């Protein structure tokens, strides 16, 4: 194989490796478990196991911690060991549940209602969290 063909092959392989994850429909980045557990505790420690599972479903669908703020709180570090175990169980379980019926957003009833809520459809409610699916425009 000449050097020109080898160079083209390497470029093609590099492009494939960079673009392959985005070519697979529905694939999202995997959230590291220790970060996921912080999110579940920060957002839903007071919601019990099922509430944490619901937040875990949303986190998995998004594939990013963008928009989640509770995990940054120092309060998360002070939660007792049983809450961390519950978060670990919720994260594992959320891979195989769909309580929220495809939700990719949620709000707390005790918080203010964000503007983006007008562009969403309610899918599920549990305790003081309401789950929504964002209505994306097709075009």
Protein backbone atom coordinates (compact mmCIF):
# COMPACT_ATOMS: atom_id res chain seq x y z
CA UNK A 1 0.00 0.00 0.00
CA UNK A 2 1.48 3.34 -0.95
CA UNK A 3 1.84 6.19 1.55
CA UNK A 4 -0.93 8.27 -0.03
CA UNK A 5 -3.47 5.45 0.36
CA UNK A 6 -2.29 4.76 3.90
CA UNK A 7 -2.63 8.44 4.80
CA UNK A 8 -6.20 8.51 3.40
CA UNK A 9 -7.06 5.34 5.29
CA UNK A 10 -5.77 6.85 8.55
CA UNK A 11 -7.75 10.06 7.99
CA UNK A 12 -10.90 8.06 7.21
CA UNK A 13 -10.45 5.89 10.29
CA UNK A 14 -9.87 8.96 12.45
CA UNK A 15 -13.03 10.61 11.15
CA UNK A 16 -15.02 7.44 11.71
CA UNK A 17 -13.81 7.14 15.30
CA UNK A 18 -14.70 10.78 15.98
CA UNK A 19 -18.13 10.64 14.37
CA UNK A 20 -19.21 7.07 15.16
CA UNK A 21 -20.95 7.87 18.48
CA UNK A 22 -23.10 10.54 16.82
CA UNK A 23 -24.02 8.18 13.99
CA UNK A 24 -25.65 5.66 16.31
CA UNK A 25 -29.26 6.68 16.82
CA UNK A 26 -30.21 7.42 20.41
CA UNK A 27 -26.74 6.90 21.84
CA UNK A 28 -25.81 9.26 24.65
CA UNK A 29 -22.65 9.67 26.67
CA UNK A 30 -22.40 7.51 29.75
CA UNK A 31 -22.45 9.48 33.01
CA UNK A 32 -19.83 8.25 35.52
CA UNK A 33 -21.66 6.56 38.42
CA UNK A 34 -20.09 8.76 41.13
CA UNK A 35 -21.33 11.89 39.30
CA UNK A 36 -24.76 10.34 38.67
CA UNK A 37 -25.12 9.50 42.37
CA UNK A 38 -24.28 13.11 43.30
CA UNK A 39 -26.98 14.32 40.89
CA UNK A 40 -29.58 11.91 42.30
CA UNK A 41 -28.80 12.91 45.87
CA UNK A 42 -28.65 16.62 45.10
CA UNK A 43 -31.89 16.61 43.14
CA UNK A 44 -33.96 13.90 44.81
CA UNK A 45 -32.59 12.69 48.17
CA UNK A 46 -35.92 13.61 49.75
CA UNK A 47 -37.92 11.74 47.08
CA UNK A 48 -36.96 8.21 48.10
CA UNK A 49 -35.74 5.39 45.87
CA UNK A 50 -38.42 5.75 43.19
CA UNK A 51 -37.94 9.52 43.03
CA UNK A 52 -34.21 9.05 42.54
CA UNK A 53 -34.86 6.44 39.84
CA UNK A 54 -37.07 8.95 38.00
CA UNK A 55 -34.37 11.61 38.10
CA UNK A 56 -31.89 8.94 36.96
CA UNK A 57 -34.06 8.22 33.91
CA UNK A 58 -33.97 11.90 32.95
CA UNK A 59 -30.21 12.07 33.50
CA UNK A 60 -29.65 9.01 31.30
CA UNK A 61 -31.83 10.43 28.51
CA UNK A 62 -29.93 13.70 28.54
CA UNK A 63 -26.52 12.08 28.75
CA UNK A 64 -25.17 15.18 30.48
CA UNK A 65 -25.29 16.91 33.84
CA UNK A 66 -26.06 20.20 32.08
CA UNK A 67 -29.08 21.77 33.77
CA UNK A 68 -28.66 19.78 37.00
CA UNK A 69 -27.44 21.96 39.85
CA UNK A 70 -27.96 19.97 43.04
CA UNK A 71 -24.92 17.75 42.55
CA UNK A 72 -22.60 20.71 43.13
CA UNK A 73 -23.96 21.34 46.62
CA UNK A 74 -21.72 20.63 49.61
CA UNK A 75 -24.82 19.22 51.34
CA UNK A 76 -24.50 16.14 49.13
CA UNK A 77 -21.20 15.29 50.84
CA UNK A 78 -22.89 15.29 54.25
CA UNK A 79 -25.64 12.82 53.33
CA UNK A 80 -25.56 9.58 55.35
CA UNK A 81 -24.25 6.34 53.90
CA UNK A 82 -27.75 4.84 53.42
CA UNK A 83 -28.68 7.73 51.09
CA UNK A 84 -25.56 7.05 48.99
CA UNK A 85 -26.48 3.35 48.83
CA UNK A 86 -30.01 4.28 47.76
CA UNK A 87 -28.59 6.58 45.05
CA UNK A 88 -26.34 3.78 43.77
CA UNK A 89 -29.33 1.41 43.61
CA UNK A 90 -31.46 4.08 41.89
CA UNK A 91 -28.78 4.72 39.27
CA UNK A 92 -28.53 1.00 38.48
CA UNK A 93 -32.32 0.58 38.38
CA UNK A 94 -32.88 3.64 36.18
CA UNK A 95 -31.16 1.85 33.30
CA UNK A 96 -34.14 -0.54 33.08
CA UNK A 97 -37.18 1.55 34.04
CA UNK A 98 -39.43 4.07 32.33
CA UNK A 99 -41.63 5.52 35.06
CA UNK A 100 -41.32 8.98 33.52
CA UNK A 101 -42.49 7.84 30.07
CA UNK A 102 -39.56 9.31 28.16
CA UNK A 103 -39.17 12.53 30.17
CA UNK A 104 -36.05 14.57 29.59
CA UNK A 105 -36.85 17.41 32.02
CA UNK A 106 -38.39 17.79 35.46
CA UNK A 107 -39.30 20.52 37.88
CA UNK A 108 -39.99 20.66 41.58
CA UNK A 109 -43.43 21.86 42.63
CA UNK A 110 -41.75 24.00 45.29
CA UNK A 111 -39.64 25.90 42.74
CA UNK A 112 -40.52 28.53 40.18
CA UNK A 113 -41.85 27.32 36.85
CA UNK A 114 -39.27 27.88 34.08
CA UNK A 115 -40.13 29.44 30.72
CA UNK A 116 -39.19 26.32 28.77
CA UNK A 117 -42.06 24.46 30.44
CA UNK A 118 -44.46 25.89 27.82
CA UNK A 119 -42.64 23.80 25.20
CA UNK A 120 -43.05 20.54 27.11
CA UNK A 121 -45.62 17.83 27.64
CA UNK A 122 -46.19 16.49 31.15
CA UNK A 123 -45.46 12.77 31.30
CA UNK A 124 -45.45 11.85 35.00
CA UNK A 125 -45.58 13.20 38.54
CA UNK A 126 -44.05 11.69 41.66
CA UNK A 127 -44.11 13.32 45.07
CA UNK A 128 -43.11 16.95 44.44
CA UNK A 129 -41.41 16.41 41.07
CA UNK A 130 -43.21 16.72 37.74
CA UNK A 131 -41.59 15.18 34.67
CA UNK A 132 -41.82 16.51 31.12
CA UNK A 133 -40.78 15.66 27.61
CA UNK A 134 -39.52 18.58 25.55
CA UNK A 135 -41.48 19.01 22.30
CA UNK A 136 -38.79 19.34 19.68
CA UNK A 137 -39.78 20.90 16.40
CA UNK A 138 -39.20 18.76 13.39
CA UNK A 139 -37.99 20.61 10.38
